Amino acid sequence: MKIGIVDTTFSRIDMGRIAIDELKNYAGVKYVRRTVPGIKDIPVEAKKLIEEENCDIVVTLGWVGRAEKDALSYIALSVGKIIAELMTNKHIIDVTIHEDEAEDEKTLLRVAENRVREHVRNAIDLVRNPERLTKHAGTGQRQGYEDIGPILK
């Protein structure tokens, strides 16, 4: 198994380092890391990791500022990522932190670290153990925050 990691210089923390740290918990998982300037550069780099580096899955690590133009850039990333997935027939797991998710930097850092780590585990499960994800279907899982649980009848 080989995972691609794409992060950005725009991010305010080293999200790639966090992802790699989480990957060290899994024996036999190789990775390739690439860093691009901003989130609109992510889709092509993810596609290249799949096609040129033979990655089984890619985890993209983006950071979105508070401005409206940043939100528009996120939409561009999302569309590009989906196109890259469809072109390669491989999952590209988007892990994006939006600065307006938290009022203070301490909370934002906690959300970011948790979200990166949980999505790295999700990526591994998608390739190695998809039935583990099926066991959690409908359980209100949240990456970055506490799980909210299912709606019970």
Protein backbone atom coordinates (compact mmCIF):
# COMPACT_ATOMS: atom_id res chain seq x y z
CA MET A 1 0.00 0.00 0.00
CA LYS A 2 1.20 3.48 -0.88
CA ILE A 3 -0.44 6.73 0.21
CA GLY A 4 0.13 10.10 -1.41
CA ILE A 5 0.17 13.17 0.82
CA VAL A 6 -0.29 16.64 -0.66
CA ASP A 7 -0.02 19.69 1.59
CA THR A 8 0.41 23.42 0.99
CA THR A 9 2.68 26.27 1.97
CA PHE A 10 -0.49 28.32 2.62
CA SER A 11 -1.34 26.15 5.63
CA ARG A 12 -0.51 27.67 9.00
CA ILE A 13 0.68 24.34 10.43
CA ASP A 14 2.67 21.44 8.99
CA MET A 15 -0.26 19.16 8.22
CA GLY A 16 1.96 16.82 6.18
CA ARG A 17 4.12 16.14 9.23
CA ILE A 18 1.01 15.24 11.25
CA ALA A 19 -0.19 12.86 8.51
CA ILE A 20 3.20 11.16 8.29
CA ASP A 21 3.35 10.86 12.07
CA GLU A 22 -0.02 9.07 12.01
CA LEU A 23 1.12 6.79 9.16
CA LYS A 24 4.02 5.58 11.31
CA ASN A 25 1.43 3.66 13.38
CA TYR A 26 0.74 1.37 10.41
CA ALA A 27 3.33 -1.19 9.36
CA GLY A 28 3.95 -1.51 5.67
CA VAL A 29 2.35 1.75 4.59
CA LYS A 30 4.63 3.65 2.25
CA TYR A 31 4.01 7.29 1.43
CA VAL A 32 5.04 10.01 -0.96
CA ARG A 33 4.71 13.64 0.14
CA ARG A 34 4.45 16.64 -2.14
CA THR A 35 3.94 20.26 -1.13
CA VAL A 36 2.27 22.83 -3.39
CA PRO A 37 1.71 26.58 -2.89
CA GLY A 38 -2.07 26.61 -2.37
CA ILE A 39 -5.23 24.55 -2.47
CA LYS A 40 -5.99 25.16 -6.15
CA ASP A 41 -2.69 23.37 -6.91
CA ILE A 42 -3.71 20.24 -4.99
CA PRO A 43 -5.84 18.34 -7.56
CA VAL A 44 -3.16 18.06 -10.26
CA GLU A 45 -0.54 17.01 -7.71
CA ALA A 46 -2.88 14.35 -6.32
CA LYS A 47 -3.51 13.06 -9.84
CA LYS A 48 0.24 12.95 -10.52
CA LEU A 49 0.84 10.94 -7.32
CA ILE A 50 -1.72 8.37 -8.44
CA GLU A 51 -0.54 8.14 -12.04
CA GLU A 52 3.21 8.70 -11.71
CA GLU A 53 3.97 7.39 -8.20
CA ASN A 54 1.38 4.56 -8.19
CA CYS A 55 -0.32 5.69 -5.00
CA ASP A 56 -3.36 3.66 -4.01
CA ILE A 57 -5.03 6.68 -2.40
CA VAL A 58 -4.13 10.32 -1.75
CA VAL A 59 -4.80 12.46 1.30
CA THR A 60 -4.89 16.17 0.51
CA LEU A 61 -4.26 18.68 3.26
CA GLY A 62 -5.60 22.16 2.65
CA TRP A 63 -6.06 25.34 4.63
CA VAL A 64 -8.74 27.91 3.82
CA GLY A 65 -8.61 31.47 5.09
CA ARG A 66 -11.57 33.51 6.33
CA ALA A 67 -12.05 35.68 3.22
CA GLU A 68 -14.75 35.05 0.62
CA LYS A 69 -12.07 34.55 -2.06
CA ASP A 70 -10.63 31.75 0.08
CA ALA A 71 -14.02 30.02 0.15
CA LEU A 72 -14.20 30.32 -3.63
CA SER A 73 -10.74 28.75 -3.90
CA TYR A 74 -12.03 25.85 -1.80
CA ILE A 75 -14.87 25.31 -4.27
CA ALA A 76 -12.31 25.20 -7.09
CA LEU A 77 -10.27 22.64 -5.12
CA SER A 78 -13.35 20.49 -4.49
CA VAL A 79 -14.37 20.40 -8.14
CA GLY A 80 -10.80 19.71 -9.28
CA LYS A 81 -10.40 16.94 -6.71
CA ILE A 82 -13.58 15.23 -7.83
CA ILE A 83 -12.49 15.41 -11.46
CA ALA A 84 -9.10 13.92 -10.54
CA GLU A 85 -10.85 11.08 -8.66
CA LEU A 86 -13.05 10.31 -11.64
CA MET A 87 -10.12 10.44 -14.05
CA THR A 88 -7.99 8.06 -11.97
CA ASN A 89 -10.72 5.92 -10.38
CA LYS A 90 -8.97 6.40 -7.00
CA HIS A 91 -10.07 8.07 -3.80
CA ILE A 92 -8.59 11.43 -2.90
CA ILE A 93 -9.46 12.23 0.70
CA ASP A 94 -9.86 15.97 1.24
CA VAL A 95 -8.73 17.17 4.65
CA THR A 96 -9.34 20.89 4.75
CA ILE A 97 -9.25 23.26 7.68
CA HIS A 98 -11.31 26.44 7.43
CA GLU A 99 -10.06 29.27 9.64
CA ASP A 100 -13.63 30.27 10.46
CA GLU A 101 -14.20 26.90 12.18
CA ALA A 102 -12.75 28.24 15.41
CA GLU A 103 -12.36 31.62 17.06
CA ASP A 104 -8.97 30.92 18.59
CA GLU A 105 -5.78 29.35 17.26
CA LYS A 106 -5.53 26.72 20.01
CA THR A 107 -8.92 25.27 19.05
CA LEU A 108 -8.08 25.48 15.35
CA LEU A 109 -4.86 23.55 15.93
CA ARG A 110 -6.72 20.85 17.87
CA VAL A 111 -9.36 20.52 15.13
CA ALA A 112 -6.68 20.36 12.42
CA GLU A 113 -4.57 17.71 14.13
CA ASN A 114 -7.58 15.53 14.94
CA ARG A 115 -9.01 15.84 11.43
CA VAL A 116 -5.71 14.96 9.74
CA ARG A 117 -5.14 11.91 11.95
CA GLU A 118 -8.70 10.59 11.59
CA HIS A 119 -8.71 11.00 7.81
CA VAL A 120 -5.35 9.25 7.48
CA ARG A 121 -6.92 6.30 9.30
CA ASN A 122 -9.98 6.55 7.02
CA ALA A 123 -7.73 6.46 3.94
CA ILE A 124 -5.98 3.33 5.19
CA ASP A 125 -9.34 1.69 5.89
CA LEU A 126 -10.68 2.58 2.42
CA VAL A 127 -7.82 0.62 0.86
CA ARG A 128 -7.03 -2.10 3.41
CA ASN A 129 -10.17 -2.62 5.46
CA PRO A 130 -13.30 -1.01 3.96
CA GLU A 131 -15.63 -3.11 6.11
CA ARG A 132 -14.39 -1.17 9.16
CA LEU A 133 -15.94 1.97 7.66
CA THR A 134 -19.18 0.10 6.95
CA LYS A 135 -19.43 -0.76 10.66
CA HIS A 136 -19.51 3.00 11.37
CA ALA A 137 -22.15 3.86 8.76
CA GLY A 138 -24.82 6.16 10.15
CA THR A 139 -23.06 6.72 13.48
CA GLY A 140 -22.45 10.49 13.19
CA GLN A 141 -18.67 10.34 12.93
CA ARG A 142 -16.95 13.76 12.75
CA GLN A 143 -13.35 14.42 11.89
CA GLY A 144 -11.93 17.32 13.85
CA TYR A 145 -14.71 17.39 16.41
CA GLU A 146 -16.42 15.00 18.78
CA ASP A 147 -18.66 12.47 17.06
CA ILE A 148 -22.31 13.45 17.35
CA GLY A 149 -23.78 9.96 17.18
CA PRO A 150 -26.76 8.59 15.28
CA ILE A 151 -30.34 9.79 15.42
CA LEU A 152 -32.15 7.06 17.31
CA LYS A 153 -35.72 6.01 16.63
